[in-house]
Protein backbone atom coordinates (compact mmCIF):
# COMPACT_ATOMS: atom_id res chain seq x y z
CA MET A 1 25.29 -12.72 7.81
CA THR A 2 23.20 -15.80 8.52
CA LYS A 3 20.15 -15.70 6.32
CA VAL A 4 16.70 -16.96 7.33
CA ARG A 5 15.87 -19.98 5.17
CA VAL A 6 12.39 -19.84 3.61
CA GLY A 7 10.23 -22.29 1.66
CA VAL A 8 7.01 -21.65 -0.24
CA ALA A 9 4.13 -24.14 -0.37
CA GLY A 10 1.89 -23.61 -3.38
CA TYR A 11 3.31 -21.97 -6.50
CA GLY A 12 0.16 -20.25 -7.71
CA THR A 13 -0.86 -16.61 -7.99
CA ILE A 14 0.40 -15.71 -4.52
CA GLY A 15 3.13 -18.35 -4.19
CA GLN A 16 4.98 -17.11 -7.28
CA ARG A 17 5.05 -13.62 -5.86
CA LEU A 18 6.05 -14.79 -2.40
CA ALA A 19 9.00 -16.66 -3.89
CA ASP A 20 10.09 -13.59 -5.84
CA GLY A 21 9.64 -11.42 -2.74
CA VAL A 22 11.83 -13.66 -0.59
CA ALA A 23 14.47 -13.89 -3.32
CA LEU A 24 14.75 -10.08 -3.22
CA GLN A 25 15.33 -9.97 0.56
CA GLU A 26 19.08 -9.86 1.04
CA ASP A 27 18.82 -11.29 4.56
CA MET A 28 16.69 -14.28 3.50
CA GLU A 29 17.33 -17.37 1.38
CA LEU A 30 14.63 -18.97 -0.75
CA VAL A 31 15.31 -22.69 -0.39
CA GLY A 32 12.59 -23.84 -2.75
CA VAL A 33 8.94 -24.01 -3.74
CA ALA A 34 6.50 -26.92 -3.54
CA ASP A 35 3.51 -27.80 -5.68
CA LEU A 36 1.29 -30.64 -6.84
CA ALA A 37 1.17 -30.57 -10.65
CA PRO A 38 3.03 -29.14 -13.67
CA THR A 39 0.77 -26.11 -13.91
CA LEU A 40 1.42 -23.23 -16.29
CA ALA A 41 3.22 -21.46 -13.44
CA ILE A 42 5.55 -24.44 -12.98
CA ARG A 43 6.09 -24.75 -16.73
CA ALA A 44 6.99 -21.06 -16.87
CA LEU A 45 9.41 -21.57 -13.97
CA TYR A 46 11.09 -24.35 -15.97
CA GLU A 47 11.20 -22.28 -19.15
CA LYS A 48 12.87 -19.46 -17.19
CA GLY A 49 15.68 -21.83 -16.24
CA MET A 50 14.43 -23.10 -12.84
CA PRO A 51 15.63 -20.16 -10.72
CA TYR A 52 13.97 -21.88 -7.74
CA ASP A 53 14.27 -25.53 -6.68
CA LEU A 54 11.02 -27.46 -6.95
CA TYR A 55 9.68 -29.96 -4.44
CA LEU A 56 6.56 -32.11 -4.79
CA VAL A 57 3.78 -32.29 -2.23
CA ASP A 58 2.05 -35.54 -1.29
CA GLY A 59 -0.09 -36.84 -4.15
CA ALA A 60 2.01 -35.36 -6.94
CA ASP A 61 2.87 -37.61 -9.87
CA LYS A 62 6.59 -37.20 -10.49
CA ALA A 63 6.26 -38.94 -13.85
CA GLN A 64 4.33 -35.92 -15.18
CA PHE A 65 7.25 -33.66 -14.33
CA ASP A 66 9.80 -36.12 -15.72
CA ALA A 67 7.89 -36.30 -19.00
CA LEU A 68 8.28 -32.53 -19.39
CA GLY A 69 11.91 -32.53 -18.29
CA ILE A 70 11.12 -30.45 -15.20
CA PRO A 71 13.73 -31.22 -12.51
CA VAL A 72 12.49 -32.07 -9.02
CA SER A 73 14.69 -31.57 -5.95
CA GLY A 74 12.74 -33.71 -3.50
CA ASP A 75 9.47 -34.08 -1.65
CA PHE A 76 7.60 -31.64 0.57
CA GLU A 77 8.99 -32.90 3.85
CA GLU A 78 12.54 -32.65 2.50
CA LEU A 79 11.90 -28.98 1.75
CA ILE A 80 10.50 -28.40 5.24
CA ASP A 81 13.58 -30.04 6.77
CA LYS A 82 15.79 -27.42 5.10
CA VAL A 83 13.96 -24.22 6.19
CA ASP A 84 13.38 -22.04 9.23
CA ILE A 85 9.92 -20.95 8.09
CA MET A 86 7.35 -21.92 5.46
CA LEU A 87 5.13 -19.51 3.57
CA ASP A 88 1.96 -21.48 2.92
CA SER A 89 -0.07 -20.27 -0.06
CA SER A 90 -1.81 -23.59 -0.65
CA PRO A 91 -5.52 -23.64 -1.53
CA GLY A 92 -7.82 -22.80 1.39
CA GLY A 93 -7.96 -25.64 3.92
CA VAL A 94 -4.79 -27.34 2.68
CA GLY A 95 -2.62 -25.05 4.80
CA ALA A 96 -4.32 -26.25 7.97
CA LYS A 97 -3.42 -29.85 7.03
CA ASN A 98 0.14 -28.79 6.22
CA LYS A 99 0.40 -27.25 9.67
CA GLU A 100 0.41 -30.74 11.15
CA ILE A 101 3.64 -31.43 9.26
CA TYR A 102 5.15 -28.07 10.28
CA GLU A 103 4.37 -28.81 13.93
CA LYS A 104 5.90 -32.28 13.67
CA LYS A 105 9.05 -30.81 12.12
CA GLY A 106 9.23 -27.84 14.52
CA VAL A 107 9.13 -25.32 11.64
CA LYS A 108 7.41 -21.94 11.73
CA ALA A 109 4.84 -21.00 9.09
CA ILE A 110 2.89 -18.05 7.73
CA PHE A 111 -0.51 -18.71 6.16
CA GLN A 112 -2.34 -16.58 3.61
CA GLY A 113 -5.80 -15.06 3.96
CA GLY A 114 -7.70 -18.09 2.67
CA GLU A 115 -7.13 -20.07 5.86
CA LYS A 116 -9.24 -19.73 8.99
CA ASN A 117 -7.84 -17.49 11.72
CA SER A 118 -7.65 -20.48 14.07
CA VAL A 119 -4.71 -21.88 12.06
CA ALA A 120 -2.37 -19.26 13.53
CA ASP A 121 -1.20 -17.79 16.82
CA VAL A 122 -1.59 -14.24 15.50
CA PHE A 123 -3.67 -12.60 12.76
CA PHE A 124 -0.87 -10.39 11.43
CA HIS A 125 -0.28 -7.04 9.72
CA GLY A 126 3.20 -5.54 9.38
CA TYR A 127 2.20 -1.98 10.27
CA ALA A 128 -0.75 -2.41 12.62
CA ASN A 129 0.39 -5.19 14.99
CA TYR A 130 3.96 -6.23 14.14
CA GLU A 131 5.02 -6.62 17.75
CA LYS A 132 2.34 -9.25 18.40
CA GLY A 133 3.97 -11.51 15.82
CA ILE A 134 7.50 -11.42 17.25
CA GLY A 135 8.75 -14.92 17.93
CA LYS A 136 5.40 -16.58 17.19
CA ASP A 137 5.40 -19.93 15.38
CA TYR A 138 2.32 -19.43 13.22
CA LEU A 139 1.04 -16.22 11.68
CA LYS A 140 -1.85 -15.63 9.29
CA LEU A 141 -1.91 -12.74 6.85
CA THR A 142 -4.97 -10.64 6.26
CA SER A 143 -6.64 -10.85 2.84
CA CYS A 144 -5.59 -8.54 0.04
CA ASN A 145 -8.45 -6.11 0.66
CA THR A 146 -7.93 -6.12 4.42
CA THR A 147 -4.17 -5.63 4.03
CA GLY A 148 -4.57 -2.49 1.94
CA LEU A 149 -7.48 -1.22 4.00
CA ILE A 150 -5.53 -1.53 7.24
CA ARG A 151 -2.53 0.25 5.72
CA SER A 152 -4.62 3.34 5.07
CA VAL A 153 -6.62 3.26 8.32
CA ASP A 154 -3.52 2.57 10.41
CA CYS A 155 -1.78 5.47 8.65
CA LEU A 156 -4.49 7.90 9.79
CA ASP A 157 -4.82 6.23 13.18
CA LYS A 158 -1.13 6.62 13.99
CA ALA A 159 -1.17 10.26 12.84
CA TYR A 160 -4.45 11.46 14.33
CA GLY A 161 -6.41 8.64 16.00
CA ILE A 162 -9.42 6.89 14.42
CA GLU A 163 -12.60 5.84 16.24
CA LYS A 164 -14.58 4.10 13.50
CA VAL A 165 -14.69 3.39 9.78
CA ALA A 166 -17.38 2.41 7.27
CA ILE A 167 -16.21 0.82 4.04
CA THR A 168 -17.61 -0.17 0.66
CA ILE A 169 -15.60 -2.73 -1.34
CA ILE A 170 -15.99 -2.96 -5.10
CA ARG A 171 -14.42 -6.38 -5.47
CA ARG A 172 -12.93 -7.93 -8.59
CA VAL A 173 -14.59 -11.30 -9.16
CA ALA A 174 -11.49 -13.34 -10.12
CA ASP A 175 -7.78 -13.04 -10.83
CA PRO A 176 -6.59 -12.62 -14.43
CA GLY A 177 -6.55 -16.03 -16.12
CA ASP A 178 -9.16 -17.58 -13.80
CA TYR A 179 -12.21 -19.11 -15.47
CA HIS A 180 -13.94 -20.83 -12.55
CA ARG A 181 -16.28 -17.87 -11.92
CA GLY A 182 -17.58 -18.03 -15.49
CA LEU A 183 -18.51 -15.15 -17.78
CA THR A 184 -20.94 -12.71 -16.25
CA ASN A 185 -22.63 -9.37 -16.78
CA ALA A 186 -23.84 -8.61 -13.29
CA LEU A 187 -22.96 -7.16 -9.89
CA GLN A 188 -23.46 -9.31 -6.81
CA MET A 189 -24.06 -8.16 -3.24
CA ASP A 190 -22.62 -9.83 -0.15
CA LYS A 191 -24.33 -9.78 3.22
CA ALA A 192 -23.14 -7.01 5.53
CA PRO A 193 -20.88 -6.61 7.37
CA THR A 194 -18.12 -7.70 5.01
CA HIS A 195 -15.40 -9.84 6.58
CA GLN A 196 -12.77 -7.20 5.84
CA ALA A 197 -14.40 -4.86 8.36
CA VAL A 198 -14.58 -7.65 10.93
CA ASP A 199 -10.95 -8.56 10.25
CA LEU A 200 -9.88 -4.95 10.65
CA MET A 201 -11.42 -4.95 14.13
CA THR A 202 -9.54 -8.15 14.95
CA ILE A 203 -6.24 -6.48 14.07
CA MET A 204 -7.23 -3.03 15.41
CA PRO A 205 -9.77 -3.72 18.20
CA HIS A 206 -9.89 -0.07 19.25
CA ILE A 207 -11.64 0.86 15.98
CA ASN A 208 -15.31 0.16 15.22
CA ALA A 209 -15.70 -0.95 11.60
CA THR A 210 -18.48 -2.07 9.30
CA GLY A 211 -18.85 -2.41 5.57
CA ILE A 212 -20.54 -3.61 2.39
CA LEU A 213 -19.02 -5.61 -0.49
CA VAL A 214 -20.07 -5.72 -4.15
CA HIS A 215 -18.59 -8.31 -6.58
CA THR A 216 -17.83 -6.88 -10.03
CA PRO A 217 -17.03 -8.72 -13.30
CA VAL A 218 -13.47 -7.38 -13.62
CA THR A 219 -10.04 -8.87 -12.82
CA HIS A 220 -7.54 -6.06 -12.20
CA GLY A 221 -7.87 -4.77 -8.66
CA HIS A 222 -10.45 -3.91 -6.03
CA ILE A 223 -11.54 -0.39 -5.10
CA ILE A 224 -12.49 0.45 -1.52
CA THR A 225 -14.13 3.63 -0.31
CA VAL A 226 -13.56 4.48 3.34
CA VAL A 227 -15.40 6.90 5.63
CA ALA A 228 -13.27 7.40 8.76
CA THR A 229 -14.22 9.20 11.96
CA GLY A 230 -11.23 10.64 13.75
CA LYS A 231 -10.72 11.37 17.43
CA GLN A 232 -10.26 14.91 16.14
CA LYS A 233 -11.48 16.44 12.90
CA ILE A 234 -9.18 15.32 10.09
CA THR A 235 -9.06 17.77 7.20
CA LYS A 236 -8.23 16.82 3.63
CA GLU A 237 -4.84 18.47 4.02
CA MET A 238 -4.10 16.48 7.18
CA ALA A 239 -5.11 13.19 5.58
CA LEU A 240 -3.12 13.90 2.44
CA GLU A 241 -0.02 14.76 4.46
CA ALA A 242 -0.19 11.44 6.31
CA PHE A 243 -0.90 9.37 3.18
CA GLU A 244 1.95 10.93 1.20
CA LYS A 245 4.46 9.94 3.91
CA HIS A 246 3.46 6.26 3.89
CA PRO A 247 5.86 4.16 1.76
CA ARG A 248 3.18 1.62 0.79
CA ILE A 249 0.56 4.16 -0.28
CA ARG A 250 0.83 5.70 -3.76
CA VAL A 251 -1.13 8.98 -3.89
CA VAL A 252 -2.37 9.71 -7.42
CA SER A 253 -4.92 11.85 -9.21
CA ILE A 254 -7.41 11.41 -12.02
CA ASP A 255 -5.85 14.29 -13.94
CA GLU A 256 -2.56 12.35 -14.04
CA GLY A 257 -4.36 9.59 -15.91
CA PHE A 258 -5.26 7.25 -13.05
CA LYS A 259 -8.89 6.87 -14.07
CA GLY A 260 -9.48 3.52 -12.38
CA ASN A 261 -8.19 0.09 -11.47
CA ALA A 262 -6.83 -0.73 -14.94
CA SER A 263 -4.73 2.45 -14.91
CA PHE A 264 -2.67 1.09 -12.03
CA PHE A 265 -2.13 -2.25 -13.75
CA LYS A 266 -1.02 -0.58 -16.97
CA TYR A 267 1.27 1.80 -15.08
CA ALA A 268 2.91 -1.12 -13.24
CA ARG A 269 3.57 -2.79 -16.59
CA ASP A 270 4.98 0.46 -17.99
CA LEU A 271 7.30 0.63 -14.97
CA GLY A 272 8.57 -2.82 -15.93
CA ASN A 273 7.29 -4.43 -12.75
CA SER A 274 7.27 -8.22 -12.88
CA ARG A 275 3.82 -9.55 -13.87
CA GLY A 276 2.46 -5.99 -13.77
CA ASP A 277 2.57 -6.10 -9.96
CA MET A 278 2.39 -3.13 -7.65
CA TYR A 279 3.17 -3.55 -3.96
CA GLU A 280 1.63 -0.21 -2.98
CA ILE A 281 -2.05 0.56 -2.76
CA GLY A 282 -3.20 3.49 -4.86
CA LEU A 283 -5.07 6.36 -3.21
CA TRP A 284 -6.81 9.05 -5.22
CA GLU A 285 -6.10 12.55 -3.94
CA ASP A 286 -9.28 13.60 -5.76
CA SER A 287 -11.29 11.18 -3.60
CA ILE A 288 -10.30 12.69 -0.25
CA VAL A 289 -13.27 14.74 0.96
CA GLU A 290 -14.49 16.02 4.30
CA SER A 291 -18.01 15.12 5.42
CA GLY A 292 -18.73 16.91 8.66
CA ASN A 293 -16.19 15.53 11.10
CA ASP A 294 -15.52 12.48 8.89
CA ILE A 295 -12.93 12.03 6.17
CA MET A 296 -13.64 9.95 3.06
CA TYR A 297 -11.23 8.53 0.49
CA ALA A 298 -10.87 5.73 -2.09
CA ILE A 299 -8.06 3.22 -2.58
CA ASN A 300 -7.08 0.70 -5.26
CA ILE A 301 -5.98 -2.78 -4.15
CA PRO A 302 -3.66 -4.74 -6.49
CA GLN A 303 -4.96 -8.07 -5.22
CA GLU A 304 -2.22 -10.35 -6.56
CA SER A 305 0.72 -8.54 -4.97
CA VAL A 306 -0.42 -6.32 -2.12
CA THR A 307 0.10 -8.92 0.63
CA ILE A 308 3.69 -9.74 -0.35
CA PRO A 309 5.37 -6.94 1.68
CA GLU A 310 3.34 -7.77 4.79
CA THR A 311 4.33 -11.44 4.41
CA MET A 312 8.00 -10.42 4.37
CA ASP A 313 7.27 -8.41 7.53
CA GLY A 314 5.78 -11.58 9.01
CA ILE A 315 8.99 -13.54 8.41
CA ARG A 316 10.90 -10.78 10.15
CA ALA A 317 8.57 -10.89 13.15
CA ALA A 318 8.30 -14.66 13.53
CA CYS A 319 12.06 -15.15 13.17
CA LYS A 320 12.91 -12.13 15.37
CA MET A 321 14.92 -10.52 12.61
CA GLN A 322 13.80 -7.07 13.80
CA LEU A 323 12.16 -6.39 17.14
CA ASN A 324 10.02 -3.42 16.13
CA GLY A 325 7.71 -2.81 13.23
CA GLU A 326 9.29 0.41 12.02
CA GLU A 327 12.68 -1.22 11.45
CA ALA A 328 11.14 -4.35 9.93
CA THR A 329 8.86 -2.62 7.44
CA ALA A 330 11.70 -0.29 6.44
CA LYS A 331 13.94 -3.27 5.68
CA THR A 332 11.21 -4.98 3.64
CA ASN A 333 10.57 -1.74 1.76
CA GLU A 334 14.28 -1.33 1.03
CA TYR A 335 14.66 -4.76 -0.55
CA LEU A 336 11.39 -4.59 -2.51
CA LYS A 337 12.25 -1.02 -3.59
CA ILE A 338 8.95 0.26 -2.22
CA GLY A 339 8.48 4.01 -1.95
CA ARG A 340 11.04 5.00 -4.59
CA PHE A 341 8.43 7.29 -6.16
CA LYS A 342 7.96 9.36 -2.99
CA LYS A 343 8.91 13.02 -3.06
CA LYS A 344 12.23 13.59 -1.32
């Protein structure tokens, strides 16, 4: 079997997880990762025995790596020359500059949510619009919140049809270990509508969406409440049936001990998941309520890892590994061991 060769640009919060995700795909080969400086993530990579080859982007000082004994396999363009597709998780704006190199080299690329939509041919989601990404050179993933939100809305839409949604996002202010947002004891409002609702409509133009976002001084996960209006009345039982079938949705309850965002992080650690990651979104069964003809529910978004499966789907689409979304997402789920907890 000829494997698709993949490189990762930017070995930060998302890049580390992208590299691990590719390494788990049996029909893909992780050629290497690229970064600028010997960050803690790079130092940890070295201390783990350099499971991935490291390449340096333009502006990196190789002497800093040499001083620490960290081996370097080449420069950024050498990495690009060896791959079929790049996963670009560089800081916002850098990916757009990297695209110029990808275009020059004739290499496909997938960009993360921090880039502008204009960087890509298709704004992509593995479940909602897989077919639009097939064979395209440049895809852009939705943000972590939008990725999880679309999973749940698309799940109901495919089962029953959805006309509109209204969302409220309770957003973590920074990732664990980040200090740039400072120490705070406040909630902060964003102007409505939140971009996640606008992005949902870009991916799913047949659904009218709006929403509000509130920043919260926590680090482990976002919580989104969704009010969805179906083309028919969707009962709690109908919604629950659809959610429980979805491999990337973990239905839980408060009585089980899932009291909030931190419960999911702790459970992922107890499962032995690398870095305490969880690929699935959590959905509280207790939160599913009927309001007239609408259905309401709440989901937990593990922001550091939730986009990884959809990025693997993107590789499959861009490189024509599978020609329909159902086969592609099933293959990604198999290799990432997603959905093992589902009732048989």
